[in-house]
């Protein structure tokens, strides 16, 4: 590559890497959130609500069986196999 084009090539590389990263994070977040919503929807007697960043609401669920199911759904959230490299 001619040295006069090196800046354009480097800038293009950085641009496409950043765009690819942002797109990947957006798609990955959507997939993870949809999986969590499906897991929470399968819990009888539980209606998902916005916690507003306060996870104490999960610990304060009165029914111990429902609380365990909800906490298990959240605990499994980041460990989906295709995001942890497990297959």
PDB file of N, CA and C in Angstrom:
ATOM      1  N   UNK A   1       0.855  -1.167   0.000  1.00  0.00           N
ATOM      2  CA  UNK A   1       0.000   0.000   0.000  1.00  0.00           C
ATOM      3  C   UNK A   1       0.904   1.233   0.000  1.00  0.00           C
ATOM      4  N   UNK A   2       0.586   2.182  -0.827  1.00  0.00           N
ATOM      5  CA  UNK A   2       1.383   3.410  -0.841  1.00  0.00           C
ATOM      6  C   UNK A   2       1.246   4.157   0.485  1.00  0.00           C
ATOM      7  N   UNK A   3       2.309   4.771   0.911  1.00  0.00           N
ATOM      8  CA  UNK A   3       2.294   5.463   2.204  1.00  0.00           C
ATOM      9  C   UNK A   3       1.299   6.623   2.221  1.00  0.00           C
ATOM     10  N   UNK A   4       0.975   7.177   1.085  1.00  0.00           N
ATOM     11  CA  UNK A   4       0.010   8.285   1.046  1.00  0.00           C
ATOM     12  C   UNK A   4      -1.402   7.815   1.397  1.00  0.00           C
ATOM     13  N   UNK A   5      -1.671   6.512   1.231  1.00  0.00           N
ATOM     14  CA  UNK A   5      -2.996   5.966   1.546  1.00  0.00           C
ATOM     15  C   UNK A   5      -3.058   5.341   2.937  1.00  0.00           C
ATOM     16  N   UNK A   6      -1.953   5.351   3.646  1.00  0.00           N
ATOM     17  CA  UNK A   6      -1.907   4.682   4.951  1.00  0.00           C
ATOM     18  C   UNK A   6      -2.886   5.308   5.954  1.00  0.00           C
ATOM     19  N   UNK A   7      -3.001   6.620   5.979  1.00  0.00           N
ATOM     20  CA  UNK A   7      -3.909   7.279   6.919  1.00  0.00           C
ATOM     21  C   UNK A   7      -5.364   6.931   6.616  1.00  0.00           C
ATOM     22  N   UNK A   8      -5.715   6.901   5.353  1.00  0.00           N
ATOM     23  CA  UNK A   8      -7.088   6.553   4.965  1.00  0.00           C
ATOM     24  C   UNK A   8      -7.379   5.106   5.332  1.00  0.00           C
ATOM     25  N   UNK A   9      -6.445   4.217   5.082  1.00  0.00           N
ATOM     26  CA  UNK A   9      -6.638   2.800   5.400  1.00  0.00           C
ATOM     27  C   UNK A   9      -6.765   2.591   6.908  1.00  0.00           C
ATOM     28  N   UNK A  10      -5.914   3.262   7.673  1.00  0.00           N
ATOM     29  CA  UNK A  10      -5.972   3.124   9.135  1.00  0.00           C
ATOM     30  C   UNK A  10      -7.277   3.690   9.675  1.00  0.00           C
ATOM     31  N   UNK A  11      -7.688   4.847   9.176  1.00  0.00           N
ATOM     32  CA  UNK A  11      -8.946   5.444   9.610  1.00  0.00           C
ATOM     33  C   UNK A  11     -10.143   4.573   9.268  1.00  0.00           C
ATOM     34  N   UNK A  12     -10.108   3.992   8.079  1.00  0.00           N
ATOM     35  CA  UNK A  12     -11.201   3.101   7.666  1.00  0.00           C
ATOM     36  C   UNK A  12     -11.241   1.855   8.548  1.00  0.00           C
ATOM     37  N   UNK A  13     -10.085   1.313   8.849  1.00  0.00           N
ATOM     38  CA  UNK A  13     -10.016   0.130   9.711  1.00  0.00           C
ATOM     39  C   UNK A  13     -10.622   0.417  11.076  1.00  0.00           C
ATOM     40  N   UNK A  14     -10.223   1.534  11.670  1.00  0.00           N
ATOM     41  CA  UNK A  14     -10.745   1.901  12.991  1.00  0.00           C
ATOM     42  C   UNK A  14     -12.249   2.135  12.929  1.00  0.00           C
ATOM     43  N   UNK A  15     -12.715   2.824  11.905  1.00  0.00           N
ATOM     44  CA  UNK A  15     -14.145   3.090  11.754  1.00  0.00           C
ATOM     45  C   UNK A  15     -14.946   1.796  11.698  1.00  0.00           C
ATOM     46  N   UNK A  16     -14.526   0.876  10.848  1.00  0.00           N
ATOM     47  CA  UNK A  16     -15.287  -0.368  10.697  1.00  0.00           C
ATOM     48  C   UNK A  16     -15.188  -1.263  11.926  1.00  0.00           C
ATOM     49  N   UNK A  17     -14.071  -1.228  12.621  1.00  0.00           N
ATOM     50  CA  UNK A  17     -13.965  -1.991  13.865  1.00  0.00           C
ATOM     51  C   UNK A  17     -14.910  -1.437  14.919  1.00  0.00           C
ATOM     52  N   UNK A  18     -14.972  -0.120  15.033  1.00  0.00           N
ATOM     53  CA  UNK A  18     -15.877   0.492  16.008  1.00  0.00           C
ATOM     54  C   UNK A  18     -17.340   0.249  15.658  1.00  0.00           C
ATOM     55  N   UNK A  19     -17.680   0.378  14.388  1.00  0.00           N
ATOM     56  CA  UNK A  19     -19.056   0.112  13.969  1.00  0.00           C
ATOM     57  C   UNK A  19     -19.428  -1.351  14.206  1.00  0.00           C
ATOM     58  N   UNK A  20     -18.509  -2.241  13.897  1.00  0.00           N
ATOM     59  CA  UNK A  20     -18.759  -3.661  14.132  1.00  0.00           C
ATOM     60  C   UNK A  20     -18.923  -3.976  15.605  1.00  0.00           C
ATOM     61  N   UNK A  21     -18.103  -3.361  16.446  1.00  0.00           N
ATOM     62  CA  UNK A  21     -18.212  -3.580  17.888  1.00  0.00           C
ATOM     63  C   UNK A  21     -19.545  -3.076  18.426  1.00  0.00           C
ATOM     64  N   UNK A  22     -19.924  -1.880  18.019  1.00  0.00           N
ATOM     65  CA  UNK A  22     -21.183  -1.311  18.488  1.00  0.00           C
ATOM     66  C   UNK A  22     -22.377  -2.150  18.037  1.00  0.00           C
ATOM     67  N   UNK A  23     -22.328  -2.600  16.801  1.00  0.00           N
ATOM     68  CA  UNK A  23     -23.403  -3.448  16.281  1.00  0.00           C
ATOM     69  C   UNK A  23     -23.452  -4.771  17.034  1.00  0.00           C
ATOM     70  N   UNK A  24     -22.288  -5.352  17.274  1.00  0.00           N
ATOM     71  CA  UNK A  24     -22.236  -6.621  18.008  1.00  0.00           C
ATOM     72  C   UNK A  24     -22.773  -6.501  19.423  1.00  0.00           C
ATOM     73  N   UNK A  25     -22.422  -5.419  20.102  1.00  0.00           N
ATOM     74  CA  UNK A  25     -22.924  -5.205  21.462  1.00  0.00           C
ATOM     75  C   UNK A  25     -24.433  -5.009  21.451  1.00  0.00           C
ATOM     76  N   UNK A  26     -24.930  -4.259  20.483  1.00  0.00           N
ATOM     77  CA  UNK A  26     -26.379  -4.026  20.399  1.00  0.00           C
ATOM     78  C   UNK A  26     -27.137  -5.324  20.134  1.00  0.00           C
ATOM     79  N   UNK A  27     -26.641  -6.120  19.200  1.00  0.00           N
ATOM     80  CA  UNK A  27     -27.298  -7.387  18.882  1.00  0.00           C
ATOM     81  C   UNK A  27     -27.193  -8.350  20.063  1.00  0.00           C
ATOM     82  N   UNK A  28     -26.014  -8.418  20.659  1.00  0.00           N
ATOM     83  CA  UNK A  28     -25.825  -9.301  21.813  1.00  0.00           C
ATOM     84  C   UNK A  28     -26.717  -8.923  22.982  1.00  0.00           C
ATOM     85  N   UNK A  29     -26.830  -7.627  23.250  1.00  0.00           N
ATOM     86  CA  UNK A  29     -27.702  -7.172  24.330  1.00  0.00           C
ATOM     87  C   UNK A  29     -29.155  -7.498  24.071  1.00  0.00           C
ATOM     88  N   UNK A  30     -29.567  -7.359  22.825  1.00  0.00           N
ATOM     89  CA  UNK A  30     -30.948  -7.690  22.461  1.00  0.00           C
ATOM     90  C   UNK A  30     -31.227  -9.174  22.667  1.00  0.00           C
ATOM     91  N   UNK A  31     -30.298 -10.012  22.241  1.00  0.00           N
ATOM     92  CA  UNK A  31     -30.470 -11.456  22.407  1.00  0.00           C
ATOM     93  C   UNK A  31     -30.529 -11.822  23.885  1.00  0.00           C
ATOM     94  N   UNK A  32     -29.610 -11.284  24.675  1.00  0.00           N
ATOM     95  CA  UNK A  32     -29.598 -11.590  26.104  1.00  0.00           C
ATOM     96  C   UNK A  32     -30.872 -11.107  26.795  1.00  0.00           C
ATOM     97  N   UNK A  33     -31.325  -9.901  26.462  1.00  0.00           N
ATOM     98  CA  UNK A  33     -32.549  -9.386  27.078  1.00  0.00           C
ATOM     99  C   UNK A  33     -33.768 -10.203  26.680  1.00  0.00           C
ATOM    100  N   UNK A  34     -33.825 -10.649  25.427  1.00  0.00           N
ATOM    101  CA  UNK A  34     -34.952 -11.491  24.996  1.00  0.00           C
ATOM    102  C   UNK A  34     -34.934 -12.836  25.710  1.00  0.00           C
ATOM    103  N   UNK A  35     -33.750 -13.416  25.903  1.00  0.00           N
ATOM    104  CA  UNK A  35     -33.650 -14.687  26.621  1.00  0.00           C
ATOM    105  C   UNK A  35     -34.101 -14.519  28.075  1.00  0.00           C
ATOM    106  N   UNK A  36     -33.681 -13.428  28.704  1.00  0.00           N
ATOM    107  CA  UNK A  36     -34.087 -13.175  30.085  1.00  0.00           C
ATOM    108  C   UNK A  36     -35.600 -12.989  30.168  1.00  0.00           C
ATOM    109  N   UNK A  37     -36.169 -12.248  29.225  1.00  0.00           N
ATOM    110  CA  UNK A  37     -37.624 -12.034  29.219  1.00  0.00           C
ATOM    111  C   UNK A  37     -38.362 -13.363  29.077  1.00  0.00           C
ATOM    112  N   UNK A  38     -37.856 -14.262  28.230  1.00  0.00           N
ATOM    113  CA  UNK A  38     -38.488 -15.576  28.074  1.00  0.00           C
ATOM    114  C   UNK A  38     -38.403 -16.381  29.361  1.00  0.00           C
ATOM    115  N   UNK A  39     -37.247 -16.350  30.005  1.00  0.00           N
ATOM    116  CA  UNK A  39     -37.092 -17.096  31.263  1.00  0.00           C
ATOM    117  C   UNK A  39     -38.027 -16.553  32.333  1.00  0.00           C
ATOM    118  N   UNK A  40     -38.130 -15.234  32.423  1.00  0.00           N
ATOM    119  CA  UNK A  40     -38.996 -14.640  33.443  1.00  0.00           C
ATOM    120  C   UNK A  40     -40.473 -14.851  33.125  1.00  0.00           C
ATOM    121  N   UNK A  41     -40.827 -14.888  31.850  1.00  0.00           N
ATOM    122  CA  UNK A  41     -42.229 -15.095  31.464  1.00  0.00           C
ATOM    123  C   UNK A  41     -42.703 -16.498  31.806  1.00  0.00           C
ATOM    124  N   UNK A  42     -41.789 -17.444  31.917  1.00  0.00           N
ATOM    125  CA  UNK A  42     -42.149 -18.828  32.234  1.00  0.00           C
ATOM    126  C   UNK A  42     -42.333 -19.074  33.728  1.00  0.00           C
ATOM    127  N   UNK A  43     -42.172 -18.052  34.542  1.00  0.00           N
ATOM    128  CA  UNK A  43     -42.328 -18.213  35.985  1.00  0.00           C
ATOM    129  C   UNK A  43     -43.760 -17.852  36.360  1.00  0.00           C
ATOM    130  N   UNK A  44     -44.535 -18.841  36.830  1.00  0.00           N
ATOM    131  CA  UNK A  44     -45.937 -18.548  37.173  1.00  0.00           C
ATOM    132  C   UNK A  44     -46.031 -17.616  38.381  1.00  0.00           C
ATOM    133  N   UNK A  45     -46.930 -16.670  38.299  1.00  0.00           N
ATOM    134  CA  UNK A  45     -47.163 -15.763  39.411  1.00  0.00           C
ATOM    135  C   UNK A  45     -46.169 -14.622  39.507  1.00  0.00           C
ATOM    136  N   UNK A  46     -45.324 -14.458  38.507  1.00  0.00           N
ATOM    137  CA  UNK A  46     -44.340 -13.369  38.527  1.00  0.00           C
ATOM    138  C   UNK A  46     -44.546 -12.468  37.325  1.00  0.00           C
ATOM    139  N   UNK A  47     -44.639 -11.171  37.581  1.00  0.00           N
ATOM    140  CA  UNK A  47     -44.747 -10.185  36.514  1.00  0.00           C
ATOM    141  C   UNK A  47     -43.479  -9.352  36.518  1.00  0.00           C
ATOM    142  N   UNK A  48     -42.677  -9.443  35.458  1.00  0.00           N
ATOM    143  CA  UNK A  48     -41.445  -8.643  35.421  1.00  0.00           C
ATOM    144  C   UNK A  48     -41.750  -7.145  35.439  1.00  0.00           C
ATOM    145  N   UNK A  49     -41.017  -6.429  36.250  1.00  0.00           N
ATOM    146  CA  UNK A  49     -41.157  -4.978  36.335  1.00  0.00           C
ATOM    147  C   UNK A  49     -39.772  -4.349  36.230  1.00  0.00           C
ATOM    148  N   UNK A  50     -39.737  -3.092  35.946  1.00  0.00           N
ATOM    149  CA  UNK A  50     -38.465  -2.383  35.898  1.00  0.00           C
ATOM    150  C   UNK A  50     -37.954  -2.178  37.317  1.00  0.00           C
ATOM    151  N   UNK A  51     -36.732  -2.605  37.555  1.00  0.00           N
ATOM    152  CA  UNK A  51     -36.157  -2.479  38.888  1.00  0.00           C
ATOM    153  C   UNK A  51     -35.461  -1.141  39.076  1.00  0.00           C
ATOM    154  N   UNK A  52     -35.233  -0.431  38.009  1.00  0.00           N
ATOM    155  CA  UNK A  52     -34.580   0.859  38.110  1.00  0.00           C
ATOM    156  C   UNK A  52     -33.184   0.772  38.688  1.00  0.00           C
ATOM    157  N   UNK A  53     -32.507  -0.332  38.459  1.00  0.00           N
ATOM    158  CA  UNK A  53     -31.140  -0.493  38.960  1.00  0.00           C
ATOM    159  C   UNK A  53     -31.062  -0.980  40.395  1.00  0.00           C
ATOM    160  N   UNK A  54     -32.200  -1.223  41.036  1.00  0.00           N
ATOM    161  CA  UNK A  54     -32.203  -1.667  42.428  1.00  0.00           C
ATOM    162  C   UNK A  54     -32.536  -3.152  42.482  1.00  0.00           C
ATOM    163  N   UNK A  55     -31.524  -3.972  42.675  1.00  0.00           N
ATOM    164  CA  UNK A  55     -31.757  -5.415  42.683  1.00  0.00           C
ATOM    165  C   UNK A  55     -32.349  -5.905  43.995  1.00  0.00           C
ATOM    166  N   UNK A  56     -32.483  -5.034  44.981  1.00  0.00           N
ATOM    167  CA  UNK A  56     -33.087  -5.433  46.249  1.00  0.00           C
ATOM    168  C   UNK A  56     -34.512  -5.921  46.032  1.00  0.00           C
ATOM    169  N   UNK A  57     -35.185  -5.414  44.984  1.00  0.00           N
ATOM    170  CA  UNK A  57     -36.543  -5.855  44.678  1.00  0.00           C
ATOM    171  C   UNK A  57     -36.602  -7.339  44.349  1.00  0.00           C
ATOM    172  N   UNK A  58     -35.523  -7.894  43.802  1.00  0.00           N
ATOM    173  CA  UNK A  58     -35.484  -9.334  43.519  1.00  0.00           C
ATOM    174  C   UNK A  58     -35.376 -10.141  44.807  1.00  0.00           C
ATOM    175  N   UNK A  59     -34.607  -9.661  45.730  1.00  0.00           N
ATOM    176  CA  UNK A  59     -34.408 -10.362  46.996  1.00  0.00           C
ATOM    177  C   UNK A  59     -35.657 -10.271  47.870  1.00  0.00           C
ATOM    178  N   UNK A  60     -36.439  -9.214  47.685  1.00  0.00           N
ATOM    179  CA  UNK A  60     -37.628  -8.988  48.516  1.00  0.00           C
ATOM    180  C   UNK A  60     -38.891  -9.646  47.986  1.00  0.00           C
ATOM    181  N   UNK A  61     -38.801 -10.495  46.971  1.00  0.00           N
ATOM    182  CA  UNK A  61     -39.990 -11.207  46.485  1.00  0.00           C
ATOM    183  C   UNK A  61     -40.484 -12.109  47.610  1.00  0.00           C
ATOM    184  N   UNK A  62     -41.751 -11.956  48.014  1.00  0.00           N
ATOM    185  CA  UNK A  62     -42.229 -12.652  49.214  1.00  0.00           C
ATOM    186  C   UNK A  62     -42.260 -14.182  49.109  1.00  0.00           C
ATOM    187  N   UNK A  63     -42.675 -14.724  47.974  1.00  0.00           N
ATOM    188  CA  UNK A  63     -42.769 -16.173  47.833  1.00  0.00           C
ATOM    189  C   UNK A  63     -41.375 -16.759  47.592  1.00  0.00           C
ATOM    190  N   UNK A  64     -40.908 -17.656  48.477  1.00  0.00           N
ATOM    191  CA  UNK A  64     -39.541 -18.182  48.331  1.00  0.00           C
ATOM    192  C   UNK A  64     -39.327 -19.001  47.056  1.00  0.00           C
ATOM    193  N   UNK A  65     -40.344 -19.707  46.598  1.00  0.00           N
ATOM    194  CA  UNK A  65     -40.200 -20.500  45.376  1.00  0.00           C
ATOM    195  C   UNK A  65     -40.052 -19.572  44.172  1.00  0.00           C
ATOM    196  N   UNK A  66     -40.910 -18.565  44.089  1.00  0.00           N
ATOM    197  CA  UNK A  66     -40.831 -17.600  42.994  1.00  0.00           C
ATOM    198  C   UNK A  66     -39.515 -16.841  43.052  1.00  0.00           C
ATOM    199  N   UNK A  67     -39.105 -16.435  44.252  1.00  0.00           N
ATOM    200  CA  UNK A  67     -37.841 -15.709  44.396  1.00  0.00           C
ATOM    201  C   UNK A  67     -36.669 -16.541  43.875  1.00  0.00           C
ATOM    202  N   UNK A  68     -36.642 -17.830  44.210  1.00  0.00           N
ATOM    203  CA  UNK A  68     -35.572 -18.711  43.746  1.00  0.00           C
ATOM    204  C   UNK A  68     -35.592 -18.842  42.230  1.00  0.00           C
ATOM    205  N   UNK A  69     -36.781 -18.973  41.643  1.00  0.00           N
ATOM    206  CA  UNK A  69     -36.885 -19.085  40.192  1.00  0.00           C
ATOM    207  C   UNK A  69     -36.414 -17.805  39.497  1.00  0.00           C
ATOM    208  N   UNK A  70     -36.789 -16.661  40.038  1.00  0.00           N
ATOM    209  CA  UNK A  70     -36.397 -15.383  39.443  1.00  0.00           C
ATOM    210  C   UNK A  70     -34.883 -15.185  39.565  1.00  0.00           C
ATOM    211  N   UNK A  71     -34.343 -15.448  40.738  1.00  0.00           N
ATOM    212  CA  UNK A  71     -32.897 -15.289  40.928  1.00  0.00           C
ATOM    213  C   UNK A  71     -32.113 -16.258  40.044  1.00  0.00           C
ATOM    214  N   UNK A  72     -32.652 -17.458  39.843  1.00  0.00           N
ATOM    215  CA  UNK A  72     -32.002 -18.419  38.951  1.00  0.00           C
ATOM    216  C   UNK A  72     -32.032 -17.930  37.510  1.00  0.00           C
ATOM    217  N   UNK A  73     -33.139 -17.333  37.093  1.00  0.00           N
ATOM    218  CA  UNK A  73     -33.234 -16.787  35.728  1.00  0.00           C
ATOM    219  C   UNK A  73     -32.219 -15.671  35.526  1.00  0.00           C
ATOM    220  N   UNK A  74     -32.081 -14.809  36.521  1.00  0.00           N
ATOM    221  CA  UNK A  74     -31.091 -13.728  36.416  1.00  0.00           C
ATOM    222  C   UNK A  74     -29.664 -14.272  36.485  1.00  0.00           C
ATOM    223  N   UNK A  75     -29.440 -15.286  37.302  1.00  0.00           N
ATOM    224  CA  UNK A  75     -28.092 -15.847  37.432  1.00  0.00           C
ATOM    225  C   UNK A  75     -27.661 -16.529  36.137  1.00  0.00           C
ATOM    226  N   UNK A  76     -28.605 -17.122  35.406  1.00  0.00           N
ATOM    227  CA  UNK A  76     -28.286 -17.793  34.142  1.00  0.00           C
ATOM    228  C   UNK A  76     -28.152 -16.802  33.001  1.00  0.00           C
ATOM    229  N   UNK A  77     -28.564 -15.567  33.215  1.00  0.00           N
ATOM    230  CA  UNK A  77     -28.593 -14.534  32.175  1.00  0.00           C
ATOM    231  C   UNK A  77     -27.257 -14.349  31.457  1.00  0.00           C
ATOM    232  N   UNK A  78     -26.134 -14.136  32.153  1.00  0.00           N
ATOM    233  CA  UNK A  78     -24.889 -13.890  31.410  1.00  0.00           C
ATOM    234  C   UNK A  78     -24.168 -15.151  30.952  1.00  0.00           C
ATOM    235  N   UNK A  79     -24.713 -16.311  31.241  1.00  0.00           N
ATOM    236  CA  UNK A  79     -23.958 -17.525  30.941  1.00  0.00           C
ATOM    237  C   UNK A  79     -24.547 -18.327  29.764  1.00  0.00           C
ATOM    238  N   UNK A  80     -25.223 -17.628  28.868  1.00  0.00           N
ATOM    239  CA  UNK A  80     -25.709 -18.328  27.683  1.00  0.00           C
ATOM    240  C   UNK A  80     -24.513 -18.837  26.891  1.00  0.00           C
ATOM    241  N   UNK A  81     -24.556 -20.069  26.406  1.00  0.00           N
ATOM    242  CA  UNK A  81     -23.366 -20.695  25.810  1.00  0.00           C
ATOM    243  C   UNK A  81     -22.740 -19.920  24.654  1.00  0.00           C
ATOM    244  N   UNK A  82     -23.544 -19.314  23.777  1.00  0.00           N
ATOM    245  CA  UNK A  82     -22.946 -18.660  22.619  1.00  0.00           C
ATOM    246  C   UNK A  82     -22.279 -17.334  22.970  1.00  0.00           C
ATOM    247  N   UNK A  83     -22.484 -16.836  24.182  1.00  0.00           N
ATOM    248  CA  UNK A  83     -21.791 -15.613  24.572  1.00  0.00           C
ATOM    249  C   UNK A  83     -20.599 -15.877  25.481  1.00  0.00           C
ATOM    250  N   UNK A  84     -20.575 -17.033  26.096  1.00  0.00           N
ATOM    251  CA  UNK A  84     -19.447 -17.340  26.970  1.00  0.00           C
ATOM    252  C   UNK A  84     -18.414 -18.194  26.259  1.00  0.00           C
ATOM    253  N   UNK A  85     -18.641 -18.490  24.998  1.00  0.00           N
ATOM    254  CA  UNK A  85     -17.672 -19.270  24.220  1.00  0.00           C
ATOM    255  C   UNK A  85     -17.849 -20.756  24.404  1.00  0.00           C
ATOM    256  N   UNK A  86     -18.974 -21.165  24.992  1.00  0.00           N
ATOM    257  CA  UNK A  86     -19.169 -22.582  25.267  1.00  0.00           C
ATOM    258  C   UNK A  86     -19.851 -23.357  24.157  1.00  0.00           C
ATOM    259  N   UNK A  87     -20.113 -22.758  23.028  1.00  0.00           N
ATOM    260  CA  UNK A  87     -20.706 -23.530  21.945  1.00  0.00           C
ATOM    261  C   UNK A  87     -21.872 -22.892  21.419  1.00  0.00           C
TER     262      UNK A  87
END
